[in-house]
Amino acid sequence: MEKLLKAYLERMAFESGARILAIDESRALYAGDAEGLAALAAAAPTSVGVVPLVGSLYPRALNDFANRIDAAAANADVGHIVIPVDSPGGTVAGTPEAAAAVARAAAIKPVTAHVGGLGASAAYWIASQAKTIHASPSAELGSIGVMGIHTDLSKMMSDAGITHTVLRSTPFKGEGNPLEPLSEGGRDHWLGQVADAHDQFVRAVAAGRGVSMAKVNADFGQGRTMTGPRAVDAGMADRITSLADTISGARRKMTAPRRSAALL
């Protein structure tokens, strides 16, 4: 029941288009992190804006996240934005836009991403645009790279006596469908798209972390994740700490806290 409730709240927060996730709802969402929950509750009457990035990331969820970040950046009552991250990543579609929203916000006010569990692939792409990245000791960060997978079911279908006829109005329509082998031209096209997305990913991480693309390619895991301490050593993150300390630290650094700001 607890897992179902958590999944429901995540879906509600990221797919309903709602701007605010109430503190009582966040209590269930962060039930396994007592310190983090306490910090979230304590942050509510301050000007720390908390914008979670959790679960699998698809275009609608990414668009909603970007809107929340933009709202927090434009909110004069929010002096510091904290992004709790726990996500395996998701689609390329929507990720550059969500990352750009974090970069825009970081150009206006302090933005800290905190990876409490997993900050991989698209989630790390987005988190890398924060001014600072904090991580829990057991967190995993990275998985920098892009994958495209083609499944060819044509032989299995043929062995089962099933034949498909594919009719096209244009030469490449439906290229990469699972009912026929991927052509050499189709493979080259897909590889080009993967390479383009990888280049965007590495450029964004390099800009966000203030390092060269060569360093990202060589030292940031080469597609693997790293634990929090190793990520700090590699330059992928800045500090090992809890979500509670991240939020408390953000609140202490604000020189003139204003009226309360909700969990955004």
Protein backbone atom coordinates (compact mmCIF):
# COMPACT_ATOMS: atom_id res chain seq x y z
CA MET A 1 0.00 0.00 0.00
CA GLU A 2 2.84 2.42 0.89
CA LYS A 3 4.53 1.82 -2.49
CA LEU A 4 1.24 2.36 -4.31
CA LEU A 5 0.63 5.58 -2.42
CA LYS A 6 4.12 6.83 -3.20
CA ALA A 7 3.69 6.02 -6.89
CA TYR A 8 0.30 7.76 -6.91
CA LEU A 9 1.71 10.89 -5.31
CA GLU A 10 4.62 10.98 -7.73
CA ARG A 11 2.24 10.69 -10.67
CA MET A 12 -0.01 13.37 -9.22
CA ALA A 13 2.91 15.70 -8.60
CA PHE A 14 4.49 15.34 -12.02
CA GLU A 15 1.62 14.61 -14.39
CA SER A 16 -1.42 16.45 -13.09
CA GLY A 17 0.00 19.88 -13.82
CA ALA A 18 -0.55 20.93 -10.21
CA ARG A 19 1.89 23.59 -9.05
CA ILE A 20 2.07 22.64 -5.37
CA LEU A 21 2.70 19.35 -3.62
CA ALA A 22 1.44 19.88 -0.08
CA ILE A 23 3.58 19.09 2.96
CA ASP A 24 1.16 16.35 4.08
CA GLU A 25 1.47 14.69 0.67
CA SER A 26 5.25 15.02 0.76
CA ARG A 27 5.15 13.19 4.10
CA ALA A 28 4.07 10.04 2.27
CA LEU A 29 6.39 10.68 -0.67
CA TYR A 30 9.42 11.03 1.61
CA ALA A 31 8.28 8.49 4.20
CA GLY A 32 11.61 6.68 4.09
CA ASP A 33 13.69 9.81 4.80
CA ALA A 34 12.79 11.13 8.24
CA GLU A 35 15.49 13.80 8.22
CA GLY A 36 14.56 14.92 4.74
CA LEU A 37 10.89 15.10 5.68
CA ALA A 38 11.66 17.17 8.76
CA ALA A 39 13.73 19.54 6.66
CA LEU A 40 10.99 19.84 4.07
CA ALA A 41 8.46 20.68 6.74
CA ALA A 42 10.83 23.17 8.31
CA ALA A 43 11.53 24.74 4.93
CA ALA A 44 7.86 25.46 4.26
CA PRO A 45 7.73 28.74 6.24
CA THR A 46 11.02 29.98 4.74
CA SER A 47 12.04 31.15 1.28
CA VAL A 48 13.64 27.85 0.24
CA GLY A 49 11.83 26.47 -2.81
CA VAL A 50 11.92 22.66 -2.98
CA VAL A 51 11.31 21.21 -6.46
CA PRO A 52 11.67 17.39 -6.50
CA LEU A 53 12.94 15.45 -9.52
CA VAL A 54 11.93 11.85 -8.89
CA GLY A 55 10.86 8.77 -10.81
CA SER A 56 11.18 8.00 -14.51
CA LEU A 57 11.41 11.14 -16.62
CA TYR A 58 9.19 11.50 -19.67
CA PRO A 59 8.23 14.62 -21.66
CA ARG A 60 5.11 15.55 -19.69
CA ALA A 61 6.84 15.13 -16.32
CA LEU A 62 9.89 17.02 -17.58
CA ASN A 63 7.76 19.88 -18.87
CA ASP A 64 5.97 20.14 -15.52
CA PHE A 65 9.32 20.10 -13.69
CA ALA A 66 10.64 22.87 -15.94
CA ASN A 67 7.52 24.95 -15.25
CA ARG A 68 8.00 24.54 -11.50
CA ILE A 69 11.63 25.58 -11.73
CA ASP A 70 10.69 28.65 -13.79
CA ALA A 71 8.01 29.53 -11.24
CA ALA A 72 10.47 29.20 -8.36
CA ALA A 73 13.02 31.31 -10.21
CA ALA A 74 10.43 34.04 -10.81
CA ASN A 75 9.10 33.94 -7.24
CA ALA A 76 10.58 36.82 -5.27
CA ASP A 77 9.84 34.95 -2.02
CA VAL A 78 12.15 32.07 -3.01
CA GLY A 79 15.76 32.86 -2.19
CA HIS A 80 17.27 29.41 -2.81
CA ILE A 81 16.03 26.44 -4.85
CA VAL A 82 16.75 22.89 -3.71
CA ILE A 83 16.12 19.97 -6.08
CA PRO A 84 15.90 16.57 -4.34
CA VAL A 85 16.85 14.02 -7.02
CA ASP A 86 16.03 10.31 -7.10
CA SER A 87 15.58 9.18 -10.69
CA PRO A 88 17.01 6.63 -13.15
CA GLY A 89 16.56 9.12 -16.00
CA GLY A 90 14.25 8.84 -18.97
CA THR A 91 13.81 10.17 -22.48
CA VAL A 92 16.02 12.61 -24.35
CA ALA A 93 12.85 14.43 -25.38
CA GLY A 94 12.20 17.10 -22.78
CA THR A 95 15.51 16.72 -20.94
CA PRO A 96 17.48 19.58 -22.57
CA GLU A 97 14.54 21.90 -21.91
CA ALA A 98 14.31 20.87 -18.25
CA ALA A 99 18.08 21.26 -17.86
CA ALA A 100 17.90 24.70 -19.47
CA ALA A 101 15.24 25.73 -16.94
CA VAL A 102 17.59 24.79 -14.09
CA ALA A 103 20.43 26.72 -15.76
CA ARG A 104 18.19 29.78 -16.13
CA ALA A 105 17.23 29.59 -12.47
CA ALA A 106 20.86 29.14 -11.41
CA ALA A 107 21.73 32.34 -13.25
CA ILE A 108 19.26 34.22 -11.04
CA LYS A 109 19.58 32.63 -7.59
CA PRO A 110 21.34 29.74 -5.81
CA VAL A 111 20.20 26.31 -6.98
CA THR A 112 21.35 23.11 -5.25
CA ALA A 113 20.58 19.60 -6.47
CA HIS A 114 20.68 16.86 -3.84
CA VAL A 115 20.95 13.26 -5.05
CA GLY A 116 19.54 11.11 -2.29
CA GLY A 117 19.29 7.82 -4.15
CA LEU A 118 19.91 7.74 -7.88
CA GLY A 119 20.74 10.65 -10.15
CA ALA A 120 21.37 8.89 -13.45
CA SER A 121 21.29 9.72 -17.14
CA ALA A 122 18.67 12.44 -17.81
CA ALA A 123 18.41 13.13 -14.07
CA TYR A 124 22.13 13.86 -13.85
CA TRP A 125 21.98 15.92 -17.05
CA ILE A 126 19.39 18.14 -15.34
CA ALA A 127 21.08 18.17 -11.92
CA SER A 128 24.40 19.16 -13.48
CA GLN A 129 22.94 22.57 -14.29
CA ALA A 130 22.53 23.47 -10.61
CA LYS A 131 25.17 25.70 -9.06
CA THR A 132 26.10 22.93 -6.64
CA ILE A 133 25.37 19.21 -6.39
CA HIS A 134 25.16 17.46 -3.04
CA ALA A 135 24.84 13.70 -2.61
CA SER A 136 24.11 11.19 0.11
CA PRO A 137 26.99 8.77 0.83
CA SER A 138 25.12 5.86 -0.76
CA ALA A 139 23.81 7.83 -3.74
CA GLU A 140 24.74 6.93 -7.31
CA LEU A 141 25.38 9.61 -9.92
CA GLY A 142 26.22 9.58 -13.60
CA SER A 143 25.28 7.16 -16.36
CA ILE A 144 26.30 9.83 -18.87
CA GLY A 145 25.44 8.63 -22.34
CA VAL A 146 22.59 7.83 -24.69
CA MET A 147 21.19 4.48 -25.82
CA GLY A 148 19.03 3.45 -28.75
CA ILE A 149 17.75 -0.13 -28.78
CA HIS A 150 16.29 -1.98 -31.76
CA THR A 151 14.53 -5.30 -31.22
CA ASP A 152 14.25 -7.52 -34.28
CA LEU A 153 11.39 -10.03 -33.93
CA SER A 154 11.27 -10.98 -37.61
CA LYS A 155 13.01 -14.37 -37.27
CA MET A 156 10.93 -15.34 -34.25
CA MET A 157 7.78 -14.43 -36.15
CA SER A 158 8.95 -16.32 -39.24
CA ASP A 159 9.76 -19.42 -37.16
CA ALA A 160 6.23 -19.22 -35.77
CA GLY A 161 4.81 -19.10 -39.30
CA ILE A 162 3.86 -15.43 -39.11
CA THR A 163 4.71 -13.13 -42.00
CA HIS A 164 4.34 -9.36 -42.01
CA THR A 165 4.16 -7.16 -45.07
CA VAL A 166 5.24 -3.58 -44.42
CA LEU A 167 3.84 -0.98 -46.84
CA ARG A 168 5.33 2.54 -46.85
CA SER A 169 4.37 5.81 -48.44
CA THR A 170 7.92 7.16 -47.97
CA PRO A 171 11.26 5.29 -48.02
CA PHE A 172 12.03 5.46 -44.30
CA LYS A 173 8.57 5.47 -42.68
CA GLY A 174 8.51 3.04 -39.77
CA GLU A 175 12.25 2.50 -39.94
CA GLY A 176 13.38 0.55 -36.89
CA ASN A 177 10.10 -1.27 -36.29
CA PRO A 178 10.55 -4.67 -34.62
CA LEU A 179 8.94 -6.69 -37.44
CA GLU A 180 11.90 -6.45 -39.80
CA PRO A 181 15.70 -6.24 -39.51
CA LEU A 182 17.24 -2.81 -39.14
CA SER A 183 18.92 -1.80 -42.38
CA GLU A 184 22.50 -0.57 -42.49
CA GLY A 185 21.23 2.88 -43.45
CA GLY A 186 18.78 2.83 -40.58
CA ARG A 187 21.52 1.81 -38.17
CA ASP A 188 23.73 4.67 -39.34
CA HIS A 189 20.84 7.12 -38.95
CA TRP A 190 20.11 5.96 -35.42
CA LEU A 191 23.80 6.11 -34.51
CA GLY A 192 23.86 9.70 -35.74
CA GLN A 193 20.91 10.61 -33.53
CA VAL A 194 22.51 8.90 -30.53
CA ALA A 195 25.76 10.78 -31.18
CA ASP A 196 23.93 14.12 -31.45
CA ALA A 197 22.10 13.55 -28.16
CA HIS A 198 25.33 12.44 -26.47
CA ASP A 199 27.04 15.61 -27.63
CA GLN A 200 24.23 17.73 -26.15
CA PHE A 201 24.47 15.77 -22.89
CA VAL A 202 28.24 16.15 -22.54
CA ARG A 203 28.19 19.83 -23.51
CA ALA A 204 25.53 20.55 -20.90
CA VAL A 205 27.37 18.67 -18.14
CA ALA A 206 30.67 20.34 -19.03
CA ALA A 207 29.07 23.79 -18.94
CA GLY A 208 27.18 23.07 -15.73
CA ARG A 209 30.18 21.65 -13.90
CA GLY A 210 32.65 24.15 -15.33
CA VAL A 211 34.94 21.54 -16.88
CA SER A 212 35.97 20.51 -20.38
CA MET A 213 34.03 18.05 -22.52
CA ALA A 214 37.17 15.93 -22.58
CA LYS A 215 37.09 15.66 -18.79
CA VAL A 216 33.42 14.67 -18.81
CA ASN A 217 34.11 11.97 -21.41
CA ALA A 218 37.21 10.69 -19.62
CA ASP A 219 36.49 11.05 -15.89
CA PHE A 220 32.73 11.14 -15.35
CA GLY A 221 32.11 7.40 -15.49
CA GLN A 222 31.97 6.77 -19.26
CA GLY A 223 28.38 5.62 -18.93
CA ARG A 224 28.72 4.10 -15.47
CA THR A 225 27.35 5.52 -12.24
CA MET A 226 29.57 6.46 -9.31
CA THR A 227 28.82 6.45 -5.61
CA GLY A 228 28.56 9.82 -3.93
CA PRO A 229 32.14 10.00 -2.59
CA ARG A 230 33.65 8.87 -5.90
CA ALA A 231 31.48 11.38 -7.75
CA VAL A 232 32.81 14.17 -5.53
CA ASP A 233 36.40 13.03 -6.15
CA ALA A 234 35.76 13.02 -9.91
CA GLY A 235 34.20 16.49 -9.87
CA MET A 236 30.67 15.29 -10.65
CA ALA A 237 29.38 16.53 -7.29
CA ASP A 238 30.53 19.00 -4.67
CA ARG A 239 29.67 17.64 -1.24
CA ILE A 240 28.46 14.60 0.68
CA THR A 241 25.60 15.50 2.97
CA SER A 242 21.98 14.71 3.76
CA LEU A 243 18.94 16.35 2.23
CA ALA A 244 18.15 17.79 5.64
CA ASP A 245 21.54 19.49 5.88
CA THR A 246 21.27 20.76 2.31
CA ILE A 247 17.97 22.47 3.00
CA SER A 248 19.07 23.77 6.40
CA GLY A 249 22.26 25.11 4.88
CA ALA A 250 20.33 26.84 2.10
CA ARG A 251 18.09 28.50 4.68
CA ARG A 252 21.05 29.68 6.78
CA LYS A 253 22.75 31.26 3.77
CA MET A 254 19.81 33.48 2.96
CA THR A 255 20.43 36.93 4.39
CA ALA A 256 16.80 38.14 4.35
CA PRO A 257 14.25 35.31 4.45
CA ARG A 258 10.80 36.40 3.35
CA ARG A 259 7.39 34.92 3.96
CA SER A 260 6.69 31.20 3.57
CA ALA A 261 7.26 29.33 0.30
CA ALA A 262 5.57 25.97 -0.31
CA LEU A 263 7.10 22.79 -1.67
CA LEU A 264 6.94 23.67 -5.35
